[in-house]
Amino acid sequence: MPICTKFLDVNGTRMRQYLASNAARRLDSLTDDDLDAFLRDTLTRFPEFGRQLTIGHLKSQGYCVSKAQIQLSYLRVQGWLAIVGQRGLRQRGYNVIC
């Protein structure tokens, strides 16, 4: 089943219709233990994955998981390493002397 269908409406305007996938599994079907096991397996196979890639990987498997739920799972799986990774990069300003 296609995600997007292109068609012409009655006025001749090109339209796109996006279909919601009923096959997508909600997080309600995943327990915390299942999510943690999925995260452990993902990080074992792809140790360089961060949160964004993990969320993308979950979506590719049909799961819809919020960032907050991923963060909690990271804390359960990796402990303090997940807290260290929460700090963003801060770029320092610089001046060029000519």
C-alpha atoms as a PDB file:
ATOM      1  CA  MET A   1       0.000   0.000   0.000  1.00  0.00           C
ATOM      2  CA  PRO A   2       1.552   3.350  -0.998  1.00  0.00           C
ATOM      3  CA  ILE A   3       2.084   6.047   1.612  1.00  0.00           C
ATOM      4  CA  CYS A   4       1.248   8.873  -0.786  1.00  0.00           C
ATOM      5  CA  THR A   5      -1.210   8.823  -3.663  1.00  0.00           C
ATOM      6  CA  LYS A   6      -1.224  11.573  -6.304  1.00  0.00           C
ATOM      7  CA  PHE A   7      -4.477  12.443  -8.061  1.00  0.00           C
ATOM      8  CA  LEU A   8      -6.400  15.276  -9.729  1.00  0.00           C
ATOM      9  CA  ASP A   9      -9.406  16.714  -7.918  1.00  0.00           C
ATOM     10  CA  VAL A  10     -12.632  17.738  -9.691  1.00  0.00           C
ATOM     11  CA  ASN A  11     -11.149  21.160 -10.551  1.00  0.00           C
ATOM     12  CA  GLY A  12      -8.057  19.625 -12.143  1.00  0.00           C
ATOM     13  CA  THR A  13      -5.758  20.592  -9.244  1.00  0.00           C
ATOM     14  CA  ARG A  14      -2.982  18.154  -8.484  1.00  0.00           C
ATOM     15  CA  MET A  15      -3.443  16.705  -5.024  1.00  0.00           C
ATOM     16  CA  ARG A  16      -1.622  14.280  -2.756  1.00  0.00           C
ATOM     17  CA  GLN A  17      -3.268  12.081  -0.203  1.00  0.00           C
ATOM     18  CA  TYR A  18      -1.142  10.699   2.585  1.00  0.00           C
ATOM     19  CA  LEU A  19      -2.352   7.486   4.122  1.00  0.00           C
ATOM     20  CA  ALA A  20      -1.851   6.663   7.765  1.00  0.00           C
ATOM     21  CA  SER A  21      -0.319   3.275   8.291  1.00  0.00           C
ATOM     22  CA  ASN A  22      -2.469   1.012  10.399  1.00  0.00           C
ATOM     23  CA  ALA A  23       0.485  -1.326  10.673  1.00  0.00           C
ATOM     24  CA  ALA A  24       2.385   1.127  12.891  1.00  0.00           C
ATOM     25  CA  ARG A  25       2.610  -0.196  16.421  1.00  0.00           C
ATOM     26  CA  ARG A  26       2.133   2.245  19.241  1.00  0.00           C
ATOM     27  CA  LEU A  27       4.391   2.265  22.274  1.00  0.00           C
ATOM     28  CA  ASP A  28       1.471   0.969  24.363  1.00  0.00           C
ATOM     29  CA  SER A  29       2.216  -2.422  22.818  1.00  0.00           C
ATOM     30  CA  LEU A  30       5.820  -2.199  24.089  1.00  0.00           C
ATOM     31  CA  THR A  31       6.607  -2.608  27.752  1.00  0.00           C
ATOM     32  CA  ASP A  32       9.559  -0.783  29.295  1.00  0.00           C
ATOM     33  CA  ASP A  33      11.421  -4.089  29.358  1.00  0.00           C
ATOM     34  CA  ASP A  34      10.744  -4.632  25.642  1.00  0.00           C
ATOM     35  CA  LEU A  35      11.921  -1.113  24.820  1.00  0.00           C
ATOM     36  CA  ASP A  36      15.052  -1.595  26.934  1.00  0.00           C
ATOM     37  CA  ALA A  37      15.790  -4.918  25.207  1.00  0.00           C
ATOM     38  CA  PHE A  38      15.290  -3.291  21.799  1.00  0.00           C
ATOM     39  CA  LEU A  39      17.632  -0.440  22.796  1.00  0.00           C
ATOM     40  CA  ARG A  40      20.277  -2.836  24.150  1.00  0.00           C
ATOM     41  CA  ASP A  41      20.163  -4.868  20.939  1.00  0.00           C
ATOM     42  CA  THR A  42      20.302  -1.734  18.768  1.00  0.00           C
ATOM     43  CA  LEU A  43      23.260  -0.258  20.682  1.00  0.00           C
ATOM     44  CA  THR A  44      25.082  -3.598  20.536  1.00  0.00           C
ATOM     45  CA  ARG A  45      24.710  -3.752  16.760  1.00  0.00           C
ATOM     46  CA  PHE A  46      25.130   0.016  16.192  1.00  0.00           C
ATOM     47  CA  PRO A  47      27.181   1.441  19.092  1.00  0.00           C
ATOM     48  CA  GLU A  48      27.553   4.830  17.374  1.00  0.00           C
ATOM     49  CA  PHE A  49      23.780   5.433  17.354  1.00  0.00           C
ATOM     50  CA  GLY A  50      22.557   8.433  19.301  1.00  0.00           C
ATOM     51  CA  ARG A  51      19.001   9.228  20.270  1.00  0.00           C
ATOM     52  CA  GLN A  52      17.938  10.540  16.871  1.00  0.00           C
ATOM     53  CA  LEU A  53      19.213   7.484  15.012  1.00  0.00           C
ATOM     54  CA  THR A  54      17.635   5.237  17.635  1.00  0.00           C
ATOM     55  CA  ILE A  55      14.272   6.968  17.183  1.00  0.00           C
ATOM     56  CA  GLY A  56      14.635   6.572  13.413  1.00  0.00           C
ATOM     57  CA  HIS A  57      15.492   2.903  13.827  1.00  0.00           C
ATOM     58  CA  LEU A  58      12.424   2.375  16.011  1.00  0.00           C
ATOM     59  CA  LYS A  59      10.252   4.145  13.423  1.00  0.00           C
ATOM     60  CA  SER A  60      11.691   1.962  10.668  1.00  0.00           C
ATOM     61  CA  GLN A  61      10.571  -1.058  12.689  1.00  0.00           C
ATOM     62  CA  GLY A  62       7.046   0.388  12.965  1.00  0.00           C
ATOM     63  CA  TYR A  63       7.208   1.804  16.502  1.00  0.00           C
ATOM     64  CA  CYS A  64       6.242   5.334  17.503  1.00  0.00           C
ATOM     65  CA  VAL A  65       8.287   6.294  20.576  1.00  0.00           C
ATOM     66  CA  SER A  66       8.662   9.741  22.131  1.00  0.00           C
ATOM     67  CA  LYS A  67      12.045  11.293  22.903  1.00  0.00           C
ATOM     68  CA  ALA A  68      11.230  11.280  26.612  1.00  0.00           C
ATOM     69  CA  GLN A  69      10.596   7.527  26.555  1.00  0.00           C
ATOM     70  CA  ILE A  70      13.871   6.987  24.692  1.00  0.00           C
ATOM     71  CA  GLN A  71      15.735   9.080  27.294  1.00  0.00           C
ATOM     72  CA  LEU A  72      14.257   7.048  30.148  1.00  0.00           C
ATOM     73  CA  SER A  73      15.216   3.848  28.377  1.00  0.00           C
ATOM     74  CA  TYR A  74      18.763   5.170  27.843  1.00  0.00           C
ATOM     75  CA  LEU A  75      18.976   5.858  31.595  1.00  0.00           C
ATOM     76  CA  ARG A  76      17.858   2.332  32.409  1.00  0.00           C
ATOM     77  CA  VAL A  77      20.198   0.736  29.844  1.00  0.00           C
ATOM     78  CA  GLN A  78      23.312   2.919  30.037  1.00  0.00           C
ATOM     79  CA  GLY A  79      22.957   4.630  33.392  1.00  0.00           C
ATOM     80  CA  TRP A  80      25.084   7.742  33.899  1.00  0.00           C
ATOM     81  CA  LEU A  81      26.438   7.610  30.324  1.00  0.00           C
ATOM     82  CA  ALA A  82      22.994   8.694  29.140  1.00  0.00           C
ATOM     83  CA  ILE A  83      23.094  11.730  31.437  1.00  0.00           C
ATOM     84  CA  VAL A  84      26.524  12.770  30.144  1.00  0.00           C
ATOM     85  CA  GLY A  85      25.236  12.539  26.576  1.00  0.00           C
ATOM     86  CA  GLN A  86      22.365  14.946  27.310  1.00  0.00           C
ATOM     87  CA  ARG A  87      24.664  17.935  27.422  1.00  0.00           C
ATOM     88  CA  GLY A  88      24.694  19.652  24.074  1.00  0.00           C
ATOM     89  CA  LEU A  89      27.705  21.040  22.308  1.00  0.00           C
ATOM     90  CA  ARG A  90      28.372  24.661  23.094  1.00  0.00           C
ATOM     91  CA  GLN A  91      30.236  26.517  20.409  1.00  0.00           C
ATOM     92  CA  ARG A  92      32.563  29.204  21.578  1.00  0.00           C
ATOM     93  CA  GLY A  93      32.739  32.442  19.704  1.00  0.00           C
ATOM     94  CA  TYR A  94      36.026  33.534  18.224  1.00  0.00           C
ATOM     95  CA  ASN A  95      37.538  36.699  16.833  1.00  0.00           C
ATOM     96  CA  VAL A  96      39.762  36.898  13.828  1.00  0.00           C
ATOM     97  CA  ILE A  97      42.568  39.442  14.139  1.00  0.00           C
ATOM     98  CA  CYS A  98      43.657  40.862  10.800  1.00  0.00           C
END
